[in-house]
Amino acid sequence: MKKNIAVISVRFNSKRFPGKALKRYKNKNTLDRIFDSLKKIQSIDEIIVAKTTSSADKKIYNYCKKKKY
């Protein structure tokens, strides 16, 4: 059986809005909002958060590890 995988591509540093993925808005950050929305889709079997190898993305790695994403 095929497995449907959703990949969230995220990076911490950007020129227009650095740290956007972890910025809070109404008690949730962007990454949580996307992850929660994807969890509601029944046809998705797995969600993967993909980050760069940049040292700035260590914050995203640590956050995902804490949240068990």
N, C-alpha and C. Protein backbone atom coordinates (compact mmCIF):
# COMPACT_ATOMS: atom_id res chain seq x y z
N MET A 1 0.84 -1.18 0.00
CA MET A 1 0.00 0.00 0.00
C MET A 1 0.89 1.26 0.00
N LYS A 2 0.49 2.23 -0.78
CA LYS A 2 1.25 3.48 -0.84
C LYS A 2 1.05 4.28 0.44
N LYS A 3 2.07 5.02 0.79
CA LYS A 3 2.03 5.85 1.98
C LYS A 3 2.05 7.31 1.53
N ASN A 4 1.12 8.11 2.01
CA ASN A 4 1.09 9.53 1.69
C ASN A 4 1.86 10.31 2.74
N ILE A 5 2.88 11.01 2.27
CA ILE A 5 3.75 11.76 3.17
C ILE A 5 3.68 13.24 2.84
N ALA A 6 3.48 14.06 3.86
CA ALA A 6 3.51 15.52 3.71
C ALA A 6 4.84 16.02 4.23
N VAL A 7 5.48 16.89 3.48
CA VAL A 7 6.77 17.44 3.88
C VAL A 7 6.60 18.94 4.09
N ILE A 8 6.95 19.40 5.29
CA ILE A 8 6.94 20.83 5.60
C ILE A 8 8.38 21.31 5.47
N SER A 9 8.63 22.12 4.47
CA SER A 9 9.97 22.67 4.25
C SER A 9 10.08 23.97 5.04
N VAL A 10 11.03 24.03 5.95
CA VAL A 10 11.11 25.19 6.83
C VAL A 10 12.57 25.59 7.06
N ARG A 11 12.78 26.87 7.16
CA ARG A 11 14.11 27.38 7.50
C ARG A 11 13.94 28.57 8.43
N PHE A 12 14.90 28.74 9.31
CA PHE A 12 14.78 29.78 10.33
C PHE A 12 15.20 31.15 9.79
N ASN A 13 16.27 31.18 9.04
CA ASN A 13 16.75 32.46 8.51
C ASN A 13 16.14 32.74 7.14
N SER A 14 15.64 33.92 7.00
CA SER A 14 15.18 34.39 5.69
C SER A 14 15.38 35.89 5.65
N LYS A 15 15.39 36.44 4.48
CA LYS A 15 15.62 37.88 4.37
C LYS A 15 14.38 38.68 4.72
N ARG A 16 13.20 38.20 4.31
CA ARG A 16 11.98 38.98 4.53
C ARG A 16 11.43 38.85 5.95
N PHE A 17 11.51 37.64 6.55
CA PHE A 17 10.89 37.44 7.86
C PHE A 17 11.67 36.37 8.64
N PRO A 18 12.84 36.72 9.16
CA PRO A 18 13.64 35.74 9.91
C PRO A 18 12.87 35.19 11.12
N GLY A 19 12.94 33.90 11.30
CA GLY A 19 12.30 33.26 12.45
C GLY A 19 10.81 33.05 12.32
N LYS A 20 10.27 33.23 11.12
CA LYS A 20 8.83 33.15 10.89
C LYS A 20 8.22 31.84 11.39
N ALA A 21 8.91 30.74 11.20
CA ALA A 21 8.36 29.43 11.56
C ALA A 21 8.02 29.32 13.04
N LEU A 22 8.76 30.02 13.88
CA LEU A 22 8.54 29.91 15.32
C LEU A 22 7.90 31.16 15.93
N LYS A 23 7.52 32.12 15.09
CA LYS A 23 6.86 33.33 15.60
C LYS A 23 5.45 32.98 16.05
N ARG A 24 5.08 33.48 17.20
CA ARG A 24 3.75 33.23 17.74
C ARG A 24 2.72 34.21 17.20
N TYR A 25 1.54 33.67 16.92
CA TYR A 25 0.39 34.48 16.51
C TYR A 25 -0.83 33.81 17.13
N LYS A 26 -1.51 34.51 17.99
CA LYS A 26 -2.68 33.96 18.70
C LYS A 26 -2.35 32.62 19.37
N ASN A 27 -1.30 32.60 20.14
CA ASN A 27 -0.88 31.45 20.95
C ASN A 27 -0.38 30.23 20.18
N LYS A 28 -0.15 30.37 18.88
CA LYS A 28 0.43 29.28 18.09
C LYS A 28 1.44 29.86 17.12
N ASN A 29 2.49 29.09 16.85
CA ASN A 29 3.44 29.56 15.85
C ASN A 29 3.10 28.96 14.48
N THR A 30 3.75 29.45 13.46
CA THR A 30 3.46 29.04 12.09
C THR A 30 3.64 27.54 11.88
N LEU A 31 4.72 26.99 12.40
CA LEU A 31 5.00 25.57 12.24
C LEU A 31 3.90 24.72 12.88
N ASP A 32 3.46 25.08 14.07
CA ASP A 32 2.38 24.34 14.74
C ASP A 32 1.09 24.42 13.94
N ARG A 33 0.79 25.58 13.40
CA ARG A 33 -0.44 25.75 12.62
C ARG A 33 -0.45 24.83 11.39
N ILE A 34 0.67 24.80 10.69
CA ILE A 34 0.77 23.95 9.50
C ILE A 34 0.69 22.48 9.89
N PHE A 35 1.44 22.10 10.92
CA PHE A 35 1.46 20.71 11.37
C PHE A 35 0.06 20.26 11.80
N ASP A 36 -0.62 21.08 12.59
CA ASP A 36 -1.97 20.75 13.06
C ASP A 36 -2.96 20.63 11.90
N SER A 37 -2.83 21.50 10.92
CA SER A 37 -3.71 21.44 9.74
C SER A 37 -3.49 20.14 8.97
N LEU A 38 -2.25 19.76 8.80
CA LEU A 38 -1.93 18.54 8.07
C LEU A 38 -2.40 17.29 8.82
N LYS A 39 -2.34 17.32 10.15
CA LYS A 39 -2.79 16.17 10.95
C LYS A 39 -4.28 15.88 10.74
N LYS A 40 -5.04 16.90 10.39
CA LYS A 40 -6.49 16.74 10.19
C LYS A 40 -6.84 16.06 8.87
N ILE A 41 -5.88 15.99 7.96
CA ILE A 41 -6.12 15.37 6.65
C ILE A 41 -5.94 13.86 6.79
N GLN A 42 -7.03 13.14 6.66
CA GLN A 42 -7.02 11.70 6.90
C GLN A 42 -6.16 10.90 5.92
N SER A 43 -5.97 11.41 4.73
CA SER A 43 -5.20 10.67 3.74
C SER A 43 -3.68 10.80 3.93
N ILE A 44 -3.25 11.63 4.86
CA ILE A 44 -1.81 11.78 5.12
C ILE A 44 -1.40 10.79 6.21
N ASP A 45 -0.40 9.96 5.88
CA ASP A 45 0.07 8.93 6.80
C ASP A 45 1.23 9.40 7.67
N GLU A 46 2.01 10.33 7.15
CA GLU A 46 3.20 10.77 7.87
C GLU A 46 3.50 12.22 7.52
N ILE A 47 3.99 12.98 8.53
CA ILE A 47 4.38 14.37 8.31
C ILE A 47 5.85 14.49 8.66
N ILE A 48 6.61 15.06 7.72
CA ILE A 48 8.04 15.26 7.92
C ILE A 48 8.33 16.75 7.88
N VAL A 49 9.12 17.21 8.85
CA VAL A 49 9.59 18.60 8.85
C VAL A 49 11.01 18.58 8.31
N ALA A 50 11.21 19.21 7.16
CA ALA A 50 12.53 19.26 6.52
C ALA A 50 13.15 20.63 6.75
N LYS A 51 14.39 20.64 7.21
CA LYS A 51 15.11 21.89 7.47
C LYS A 51 16.43 21.87 6.73
N THR A 52 17.11 22.99 6.73
CA THR A 52 18.43 23.05 6.10
C THR A 52 19.49 22.60 7.10
N THR A 53 20.72 22.57 6.65
CA THR A 53 21.82 22.21 7.55
C THR A 53 22.42 23.44 8.22
N SER A 54 21.82 24.59 8.02
CA SER A 54 22.30 25.83 8.63
C SER A 54 22.23 25.73 10.16
N SER A 55 23.22 26.29 10.81
CA SER A 55 23.23 26.26 12.28
C SER A 55 22.04 27.01 12.87
N ALA A 56 21.50 27.97 12.13
CA ALA A 56 20.32 28.70 12.61
C ALA A 56 19.11 27.79 12.70
N ASP A 57 19.07 26.75 11.90
CA ASP A 57 17.93 25.83 11.91
C ASP A 57 17.98 24.84 13.07
N LYS A 58 19.01 24.91 13.88
CA LYS A 58 19.08 24.09 15.09
C LYS A 58 17.89 24.40 16.01
N LYS A 59 17.43 25.65 15.98
CA LYS A 59 16.26 26.04 16.79
C LYS A 59 15.03 25.26 16.34
N ILE A 60 14.88 25.10 15.04
CA ILE A 60 13.75 24.34 14.50
C ILE A 60 13.87 22.87 14.89
N TYR A 61 15.08 22.33 14.76
CA TYR A 61 15.33 20.94 15.15
C TYR A 61 14.96 20.71 16.61
N ASN A 62 15.44 21.58 17.47
CA ASN A 62 15.18 21.44 18.91
C ASN A 62 13.68 21.57 19.22
N TYR A 63 13.02 22.49 18.54
CA TYR A 63 11.59 22.67 18.76
C TYR A 63 10.81 21.42 18.33
N CYS A 64 11.15 20.90 17.16
CA CYS A 64 10.47 19.71 16.66
C CYS A 64 10.73 18.50 17.56
N LYS A 65 11.92 18.41 18.06
CA LYS A 65 12.26 17.31 18.97
C LYS A 65 11.44 17.42 20.25
N LYS A 66 11.31 18.62 20.77
CA LYS A 66 10.52 18.87 21.99
C LYS A 66 9.05 18.54 21.77
N LYS A 67 8.52 18.89 20.59
CA LYS A 67 7.12 18.65 20.26
C LYS A 67 6.87 17.23 19.73
N LYS A 68 7.93 16.48 19.52
CA LYS A 68 7.86 15.12 18.97
C LYS A 68 7.26 15.10 17.56
N TYR A 69 7.69 16.06 16.74
CA TYR A 69 7.26 16.12 15.34
C TYR A 69 8.17 15.21 14.53
